[in-house]
Amino acid sequence: MAARHTPHTIHPQLLKAVATGDAELLEQVLGLQSSATEEQGETEEQGEESCLKGVTAEGSSALHIAASCGYLELVKMICAQDISLIKARNNMLDTPLICAARAGHVDVAEYLMECAIDEQEDLMARNLDGETAMHEAVRNGHFLILKGLMSRDNRLAAVVNENGVSPLYLAVASNRADMVKALIGNSSHGATPATVSYSGPDGQTALHAAVYISKGNFKFTSCIGAISYEICAFKS
């Protein structure tokens, strides 16, 4: 499926503020300057709503950009003005949380998780590739974001993307034993083995990936094998 085409409607000064991390400029654009008169404040407030609704040609809102860049202060300011932007999707159907997870901005990702309007819906959001924030965190090696997501909704470990790839498969293929343990360390997260998907592309599983990358690393391969055995026993 191709990405959507979206007209560029974001205010130039707003774009500059969120792209450079200029909190003072963002305050001016949003009409948050304390020196403004009541009449000016009303005018700016009316402009503020439409201002934040603007997007780039890629469909990204001001919150997408601030989250991607890791500007926590700006993310908080934008959310304070329009919390609904947490649910905003760009042309690739990325949410601001997915953007933060991809870029590895732990503080921003944690804040967006805390502010989730509908935690289940917002955390489980999938982009055009069918990937969640957890897929992005694992693929890009952001362990702390993975842990944060697991602690809030461990069902994310059961979601596979459009190619049938699970977060666990990505963790194994990346030779990240710490991430593998976070995903299958059920006792520490209060999850059940049934919440974890071992799925990979073309009918493969995380065990296939473990064999490919282990190269004699018996400890890593046996770790996956032991958990697989436990899951089979659980399901039976």
C-alpha atoms as a PDB file:
ATOM      1  CA  MET A   1       0.000   0.000   0.000  1.00  0.00           C
ATOM      2  CA  ALA A   2       1.427   3.367  -0.995  1.00  0.00           C
ATOM      3  CA  ALA A   3       1.751   6.282   1.388  1.00  0.00           C
ATOM      4  CA  ARG A   4      -0.893   8.964   1.206  1.00  0.00           C
ATOM      5  CA  HIS A   5      -0.340  12.391  -0.316  1.00  0.00           C
ATOM      6  CA  THR A   6      -1.066  15.274   2.010  1.00  0.00           C
ATOM      7  CA  PRO A   7      -0.949  19.024   1.286  1.00  0.00           C
ATOM      8  CA  HIS A   8       1.643  20.912   3.328  1.00  0.00           C
ATOM      9  CA  THR A   9      -0.417  23.012   5.743  1.00  0.00           C
ATOM     10  CA  ILE A  10       1.766  23.408   8.827  1.00  0.00           C
ATOM     11  CA  HIS A  11       2.572  26.981   9.890  1.00  0.00           C
ATOM     12  CA  PRO A  12       6.201  27.820   8.884  1.00  0.00           C
ATOM     13  CA  GLN A  13       7.067  29.217  12.319  1.00  0.00           C
ATOM     14  CA  LEU A  14       5.536  26.215  14.039  1.00  0.00           C
ATOM     15  CA  LEU A  15       7.592  23.908  11.844  1.00  0.00           C
ATOM     16  CA  LYS A  16      10.741  25.868  12.623  1.00  0.00           C
ATOM     17  CA  ALA A  17      10.054  25.717  16.360  1.00  0.00           C
ATOM     18  CA  VAL A  18       9.475  21.972  16.593  1.00  0.00           C
ATOM     19  CA  ALA A  19      12.281  21.129  14.163  1.00  0.00           C
ATOM     20  CA  THR A  20      14.874  23.158  16.090  1.00  0.00           C
ATOM     21  CA  GLY A  21      13.586  22.716  19.638  1.00  0.00           C
ATOM     22  CA  ASP A  22      12.886  26.427  20.075  1.00  0.00           C
ATOM     23  CA  ALA A  23      10.491  26.516  23.036  1.00  0.00           C
ATOM     24  CA  GLU A  24      10.251  30.306  23.055  1.00  0.00           C
ATOM     25  CA  LEU A  25       9.225  30.413  19.412  1.00  0.00           C
ATOM     26  CA  LEU A  26       6.682  27.665  20.025  1.00  0.00           C
ATOM     27  CA  GLU A  27       5.185  29.699  22.855  1.00  0.00           C
ATOM     28  CA  GLN A  28       4.846  32.660  20.506  1.00  0.00           C
ATOM     29  CA  VAL A  29       3.236  30.584  17.775  1.00  0.00           C
ATOM     30  CA  LEU A  30       0.792  29.018  20.217  1.00  0.00           C
ATOM     31  CA  GLY A  31      -0.050  32.357  21.796  1.00  0.00           C
ATOM     32  CA  LEU A  32       1.301  31.407  25.216  1.00  0.00           C
ATOM     33  CA  GLN A  33       3.205  34.630  25.849  1.00  0.00           C
ATOM     34  CA  SER A  34       2.054  36.090  29.165  1.00  0.00           C
ATOM     35  CA  SER A  35       2.362  39.630  27.838  1.00  0.00           C
ATOM     36  CA  ALA A  36      -0.402  39.160  25.287  1.00  0.00           C
ATOM     37  CA  THR A  37      -3.577  41.146  25.862  1.00  0.00           C
ATOM     38  CA  GLU A  38      -6.877  39.377  26.366  1.00  0.00           C
ATOM     39  CA  GLU A  39      -8.034  40.374  22.899  1.00  0.00           C
ATOM     40  CA  GLN A  40      -4.790  39.175  21.311  1.00  0.00           C
ATOM     41  CA  GLY A  41      -4.973  35.999  23.370  1.00  0.00           C
ATOM     42  CA  GLU A  42      -8.402  35.198  21.984  1.00  0.00           C
ATOM     43  CA  THR A  43      -7.199  35.755  18.444  1.00  0.00           C
ATOM     44  CA  GLU A  44      -4.074  33.664  18.979  1.00  0.00           C
ATOM     45  CA  GLU A  45      -6.049  30.929  20.693  1.00  0.00           C
ATOM     46  CA  GLN A  46      -8.332  30.663  17.694  1.00  0.00           C
ATOM     47  CA  GLY A  47      -5.298  30.519  15.413  1.00  0.00           C
ATOM     48  CA  GLU A  48      -3.602  28.048  17.745  1.00  0.00           C
ATOM     49  CA  GLU A  49      -6.139  25.290  17.160  1.00  0.00           C
ATOM     50  CA  SER A  50      -5.882  25.482  13.386  1.00  0.00           C
ATOM     51  CA  CYS A  51      -2.120  25.936  13.694  1.00  0.00           C
ATOM     52  CA  LEU A  52      -1.663  22.623  15.478  1.00  0.00           C
ATOM     53  CA  LYS A  53      -3.949  20.882  12.989  1.00  0.00           C
ATOM     54  CA  GLY A  54      -1.527  21.688  10.181  1.00  0.00           C
ATOM     55  CA  VAL A  55       0.758  18.953   8.824  1.00  0.00           C
ATOM     56  CA  THR A  56       3.804  18.581   6.609  1.00  0.00           C
ATOM     57  CA  ALA A  57       3.724  17.061   3.125  1.00  0.00           C
ATOM     58  CA  GLU A  58       4.453  13.743   4.870  1.00  0.00           C
ATOM     59  CA  GLY A  59       1.350  14.210   6.994  1.00  0.00           C
ATOM     60  CA  SER A  60       3.332  14.750  10.189  1.00  0.00           C
ATOM     61  CA  SER A  61       1.916  17.018  12.873  1.00  0.00           C
ATOM     62  CA  ALA A  62       3.958  19.278  15.134  1.00  0.00           C
ATOM     63  CA  LEU A  63       3.812  16.509  17.743  1.00  0.00           C
ATOM     64  CA  HIS A  64       5.219  13.933  15.304  1.00  0.00           C
ATOM     65  CA  ILE A  65       8.181  16.200  14.603  1.00  0.00           C
ATOM     66  CA  ALA A  66       8.872  17.144  18.221  1.00  0.00           C
ATOM     67  CA  ALA A  67       8.635  13.482  19.251  1.00  0.00           C
ATOM     68  CA  SER A  68      10.967  12.376  16.445  1.00  0.00           C
ATOM     69  CA  CYS A  69      13.514  15.001  17.471  1.00  0.00           C
ATOM     70  CA  GLY A  70      13.252  14.170  21.156  1.00  0.00           C
ATOM     71  CA  TYR A  71      12.176  17.608  22.388  1.00  0.00           C
ATOM     72  CA  LEU A  72      10.305  16.625  25.547  1.00  0.00           C
ATOM     73  CA  GLU A  73       9.520  20.200  26.624  1.00  0.00           C
ATOM     74  CA  LEU A  74       7.918  20.928  23.264  1.00  0.00           C
ATOM     75  CA  VAL A  75       6.035  17.625  23.314  1.00  0.00           C
ATOM     76  CA  LYS A  76       4.547  18.578  26.687  1.00  0.00           C
ATOM     77  CA  MET A  77       3.574  22.041  25.462  1.00  0.00           C
ATOM     78  CA  ILE A  78       1.834  20.648  22.382  1.00  0.00           C
ATOM     79  CA  CYS A  79       0.001  17.946  24.329  1.00  0.00           C
ATOM     80  CA  ALA A  80      -1.176  20.577  26.822  1.00  0.00           C
ATOM     81  CA  GLN A  81      -2.793  22.462  23.954  1.00  0.00           C
ATOM     82  CA  ASP A  82      -4.200  19.504  22.019  1.00  0.00           C
ATOM     83  CA  ILE A  83      -3.914  16.058  23.606  1.00  0.00           C
ATOM     84  CA  SER A  84      -5.785  14.498  20.679  1.00  0.00           C
ATOM     85  CA  LEU A  85      -2.600  14.809  18.598  1.00  0.00           C
ATOM     86  CA  ILE A  86      -1.321  11.720  20.417  1.00  0.00           C
ATOM     87  CA  LYS A  87      -3.615   9.774  18.086  1.00  0.00           C
ATOM     88  CA  ALA A  88      -2.541  11.656  14.942  1.00  0.00           C
ATOM     89  CA  ARG A  89      -1.238   9.583  12.024  1.00  0.00           C
ATOM     90  CA  ASN A  90       1.112  10.710   9.290  1.00  0.00           C
ATOM     91  CA  ASN A  91       1.158   9.366   5.727  1.00  0.00           C
ATOM     92  CA  MET A  92       2.893   6.191   6.908  1.00  0.00           C
ATOM     93  CA  LEU A  93       0.283   5.867   9.690  1.00  0.00           C
ATOM     94  CA  ASP A  94       2.955   6.477  12.317  1.00  0.00           C
ATOM     95  CA  THR A  95       1.777   7.926  15.615  1.00  0.00           C
ATOM     96  CA  PRO A  96       4.022  10.283  17.622  1.00  0.00           C
ATOM     97  CA  LEU A  97       4.786   7.349  19.951  1.00  0.00           C
ATOM     98  CA  ILE A  98       5.949   5.194  17.047  1.00  0.00           C
ATOM     99  CA  CYS A  99       8.182   8.072  15.932  1.00  0.00           C
ATOM    100  CA  ALA A 100       9.690   8.452  19.411  1.00  0.00           C
ATOM    101  CA  ALA A 101      10.235   4.704  19.729  1.00  0.00           C
ATOM    102  CA  ARG A 102      11.969   4.555  16.347  1.00  0.00           C
ATOM    103  CA  ALA A 103      14.295   7.408  17.256  1.00  0.00           C
ATOM    104  CA  GLY A 104      14.989   6.068  20.756  1.00  0.00           C
ATOM    105  CA  HIS A 105      13.851   9.067  22.782  1.00  0.00           C
ATOM    106  CA  VAL A 106      13.063   7.308  26.048  1.00  0.00           C
ATOM    107  CA  ASP A 107      11.745  10.317  27.974  1.00  0.00           C
ATOM    108  CA  VAL A 108       9.421  11.356  25.147  1.00  0.00           C
ATOM    109  CA  ALA A 109       8.165   7.805  24.635  1.00  0.00           C
ATOM    110  CA  GLU A 110       7.484   7.409  28.360  1.00  0.00           C
ATOM    111  CA  TYR A 111       5.578  10.689  28.467  1.00  0.00           C
ATOM    112  CA  LEU A 112       3.438   9.776  25.466  1.00  0.00           C
ATOM    113  CA  MET A 113       2.671   6.397  27.042  1.00  0.00           C
ATOM    114  CA  GLU A 114       1.568   8.121  30.236  1.00  0.00           C
ATOM    115  CA  CYS A 115      -0.626  10.558  28.307  1.00  0.00           C
ATOM    116  CA  ALA A 116      -2.314   7.875  26.207  1.00  0.00           C
ATOM    117  CA  ILE A 117      -6.010   8.726  25.876  1.00  0.00           C
ATOM    118  CA  ASP A 118      -6.997   5.117  25.261  1.00  0.00           C
ATOM    119  CA  GLU A 119      -3.969   3.122  26.397  1.00  0.00           C
ATOM    120  CA  GLN A 120      -4.913  -0.068  24.574  1.00  0.00           C
ATOM    121  CA  GLU A 121      -5.677   1.692  21.302  1.00  0.00           C
ATOM    122  CA  ASP A 122      -2.773   4.145  21.423  1.00  0.00           C
ATOM    123  CA  LEU A 123      -0.075   1.646  22.426  1.00  0.00           C
ATOM    124  CA  MET A 124      -1.328  -0.989  19.993  1.00  0.00           C
ATOM    125  CA  ALA A 125      -1.467   1.431  17.040  1.00  0.00           C
ATOM    126  CA  ARG A 126       0.075  -0.019  13.866  1.00  0.00           C
ATOM    127  CA  ASN A 127       1.584   1.877  10.964  1.00  0.00           C
ATOM    128  CA  LEU A 128       1.436   1.198   7.228  1.00  0.00           C
ATOM    129  CA  ASP A 129       3.815  -1.754   7.641  1.00  0.00           C
ATOM    130  CA  GLY A 130       1.654  -3.164  10.415  1.00  0.00           C
ATOM    131  CA  GLU A 131       4.307  -2.330  12.990  1.00  0.00           C
ATOM    132  CA  THR A 132       3.786  -1.058  16.513  1.00  0.00           C
ATOM    133  CA  ALA A 133       6.035   1.132  18.640  1.00  0.00           C
ATOM    134  CA  MET A 134       7.455  -2.115  20.041  1.00  0.00           C
ATOM    135  CA  HIS A 135       8.592  -3.298  16.608  1.00  0.00           C
ATOM    136  CA  GLU A 136      10.362   0.024  16.093  1.00  0.00           C
ATOM    137  CA  ALA A 137      11.973  -0.042  19.538  1.00  0.00           C
ATOM    138  CA  VAL A 138      13.327  -3.562  19.035  1.00  0.00           C
ATOM    139  CA  ARG A 139      14.479  -3.069  15.440  1.00  0.00           C
ATOM    140  CA  ASN A 140      16.402   0.053  16.391  1.00  0.00           C
ATOM    141  CA  GLY A 141      17.857  -1.370  19.597  1.00  0.00           C
ATOM    142  CA  HIS A 142      16.076   0.790  22.163  1.00  0.00           C
ATOM    143  CA  PHE A 143      15.887  -1.509  25.169  1.00  0.00           C
ATOM    144  CA  LEU A 144      14.430   0.938  27.711  1.00  0.00           C
ATOM    145  CA  ILE A 145      11.518   1.800  25.430  1.00  0.00           C
ATOM    146  CA  LEU A 146      10.853  -1.909  24.916  1.00  0.00           C
ATOM    147  CA  LYS A 147      10.750  -2.399  28.701  1.00  0.00           C
ATOM    148  CA  GLY A 148       8.380   0.527  29.109  1.00  0.00           C
ATOM    149  CA  LEU A 149       6.013  -0.838  26.491  1.00  0.00           C
ATOM    150  CA  MET A 150       6.113  -4.337  27.989  1.00  0.00           C
ATOM    151  CA  SER A 151       5.310  -3.006  31.442  1.00  0.00           C
ATOM    152  CA  ARG A 152       2.235  -1.197  30.112  1.00  0.00           C
ATOM    153  CA  ASP A 153       0.836  -3.729  27.643  1.00  0.00           C
ATOM    154  CA  ASN A 154       2.663  -7.037  27.204  1.00  0.00           C
ATOM    155  CA  ARG A 155       0.206  -8.028  24.477  1.00  0.00           C
ATOM    156  CA  LEU A 156       2.326  -5.967  22.120  1.00  0.00           C
ATOM    157  CA  ALA A 157       4.736  -8.915  22.089  1.00  0.00           C
ATOM    158  CA  ALA A 158       2.060 -10.934  20.274  1.00  0.00           C
ATOM    159  CA  VAL A 159       1.580  -8.454  17.411  1.00  0.00           C
ATOM    160  CA  VAL A 160       3.151  -9.311  14.052  1.00  0.00           C
ATOM    161  CA  ASN A 161       3.689  -6.892  11.194  1.00  0.00           C
ATOM    162  CA  GLU A 162       2.495  -7.208   7.587  1.00  0.00           C
ATOM    163  CA  ASN A 163       5.273  -9.719   6.884  1.00  0.00           C
ATOM    164  CA  GLY A 164       4.376 -11.849   9.893  1.00  0.00           C
ATOM    165  CA  VAL A 165       7.385 -10.668  11.913  1.00  0.00           C
ATOM    166  CA  SER A 166       7.100 -10.457  15.695  1.00  0.00           C
ATOM    167  CA  PRO A 167       9.166  -8.282  18.053  1.00  0.00           C
ATOM    168  CA  LEU A 168      10.773 -11.447  19.443  1.00  0.00           C
ATOM    169  CA  TYR A 169      11.966 -12.505  15.992  1.00  0.00           C
ATOM    170  CA  LEU A 170      13.516  -9.065  15.504  1.00  0.00           C
ATOM    171  CA  ALA A 171      15.229  -9.257  18.900  1.00  0.00           C
ATOM    172  CA  VAL A 172      16.705 -12.686  18.158  1.00  0.00           C
ATOM    173  CA  ALA A 173      17.769 -11.726  14.633  1.00  0.00           C
ATOM    174  CA  SER A 174      19.523  -8.675  16.114  1.00  0.00           C
ATOM    175  CA  ASN A 175      21.350 -10.905  18.619  1.00  0.00           C
ATOM    176  CA  ARG A 176      19.896  -8.893  21.503  1.00  0.00           C
ATOM    177  CA  ALA A 177      19.680 -11.348  24.369  1.00  0.00           C
ATOM    178  CA  ASP A 178      18.607  -8.546  26.720  1.00  0.00           C
ATOM    179  CA  MET A 179      15.584  -7.810  24.557  1.00  0.00           C
ATOM    180  CA  VAL A 180      14.778 -11.494  24.201  1.00  0.00           C
ATOM    181  CA  LYS A 181      14.735 -11.813  27.978  1.00  0.00           C
ATOM    182  CA  ALA A 182      12.540  -8.726  28.315  1.00  0.00           C
ATOM    183  CA  LEU A 183      10.028 -10.207  25.872  1.00  0.00           C
ATOM    184  CA  ILE A 184       9.937 -13.719  27.301  1.00  0.00           C
ATOM    185  CA  GLY A 185      10.828 -12.980  30.913  1.00  0.00           C
ATOM    186  CA  ASN A 186       7.197 -13.440  31.869  1.00  0.00           C
ATOM    187  CA  SER A 187       7.669 -13.736  35.595  1.00  0.00           C
ATOM    188  CA  SER A 188       9.078 -10.214  35.831  1.00  0.00           C
ATOM    189  CA  HIS A 189       6.287  -8.655  33.769  1.00  0.00           C
ATOM    190  CA  GLY A 190       3.309 -10.604  35.034  1.00  0.00           C
ATOM    191  CA  ALA A 191       2.586 -11.936  31.540  1.00  0.00           C
ATOM    192  CA  THR A 192       1.737 -15.443  30.423  1.00  0.00           C
ATOM    193  CA  PRO A 193       3.763 -17.266  27.744  1.00  0.00           C
ATOM    194  CA  ALA A 194       0.740 -17.148  25.444  1.00  0.00           C
ATOM    195  CA  THR A 195       1.230 -13.397  24.946  1.00  0.00           C
ATOM    196  CA  VAL A 196       4.500 -13.781  23.019  1.00  0.00           C
ATOM    197  CA  SER A 197       4.640 -14.464  19.284  1.00  0.00           C
ATOM    198  CA  TYR A 198       7.638 -16.332  17.855  1.00  0.00           C
ATOM    199  CA  SER A 199       6.602 -15.613  14.274  1.00  0.00           C
ATOM    200  CA  GLY A 200       9.020 -14.550  11.556  1.00  0.00           C
ATOM    201  CA  PRO A 201       8.896 -14.022   7.768  1.00  0.00           C
ATOM    202  CA  ASP A 202       8.172 -16.825   5.296  1.00  0.00           C
ATOM    203  CA  GLY A 203       7.068 -19.286   7.945  1.00  0.00           C
ATOM    204  CA  GLN A 204      10.191 -18.915  10.040  1.00  0.00           C
ATOM    205  CA  THR A 205      10.235 -18.540  13.810  1.00  0.00           C
ATOM    206  CA  ALA A 206      12.532 -16.962  16.367  1.00  0.00           C
ATOM    207  CA  LEU A 207      14.207 -20.370  16.714  1.00  0.00           C
ATOM    208  CA  HIS A 208      15.247 -20.239  13.053  1.00  0.00           C
ATOM    209  CA  ALA A 209      16.773 -16.814  13.637  1.00  0.00           C
ATOM    210  CA  ALA A 210      18.548 -18.059  16.771  1.00  0.00           C
ATOM    211  CA  VAL A 211      20.176 -20.876  14.811  1.00  0.00           C
ATOM    212  CA  TYR A 212      21.284 -18.503  12.054  1.00  0.00           C
ATOM    213  CA  ILE A 213      22.949 -16.001  14.364  1.00  0.00           C
ATOM    214  CA  SER A 214      24.160 -18.251  17.203  1.00  0.00           C
ATOM    215  CA  LYS A 215      27.258 -19.665  15.415  1.00  0.00           C
ATOM    216  CA  GLY A 216      27.992 -21.979  18.272  1.00  0.00           C
ATOM    217  CA  ASN A 217      26.533 -19.719  20.942  1.00  0.00           C
ATOM    218  CA  PHE A 218      24.704 -22.576  22.647  1.00  0.00           C
ATOM    219  CA  LYS A 219      23.633 -20.450  25.588  1.00  0.00           C
ATOM    220  CA  PHE A 220      21.675 -18.021  23.394  1.00  0.00           C
ATOM    221  CA  THR A 221      20.047 -20.757  21.288  1.00  0.00           C
ATOM    222  CA  SER A 222      19.183 -22.900  24.303  1.00  0.00           C
ATOM    223  CA  CYS A 223      17.566 -19.881  25.983  1.00  0.00           C
ATOM    224  CA  ILE A 224      15.067 -19.610  23.116  1.00  0.00           C
ATOM    225  CA  GLY A 225      14.601 -23.373  23.026  1.00  0.00           C
ATOM    226  CA  ALA A 226      13.853 -23.568  26.736  1.00  0.00           C
ATOM    227  CA  ILE A 227      11.185 -20.897  26.513  1.00  0.00           C
ATOM    228  CA  SER A 228       9.663 -22.580  23.453  1.00  0.00           C
ATOM    229  CA  TYR A 229       9.362 -25.794  25.443  1.00  0.00           C
ATOM    230  CA  GLU A 230       7.627 -23.947  28.262  1.00  0.00           C
ATOM    231  CA  ILE A 231       5.127 -22.395  25.841  1.00  0.00           C
ATOM    232  CA  CYS A 232       4.338 -25.771  24.289  1.00  0.00           C
ATOM    233  CA  ALA A 233       3.760 -27.197  27.762  1.00  0.00           C
ATOM    234  CA  PHE A 234       1.588 -24.204  28.702  1.00  0.00           C
ATOM    235  CA  LYS A 235      -0.606 -24.548  25.609  1.00  0.00           C
ATOM    236  CA  SER A 236      -1.050 -28.258  26.073  1.00  0.00           C
END
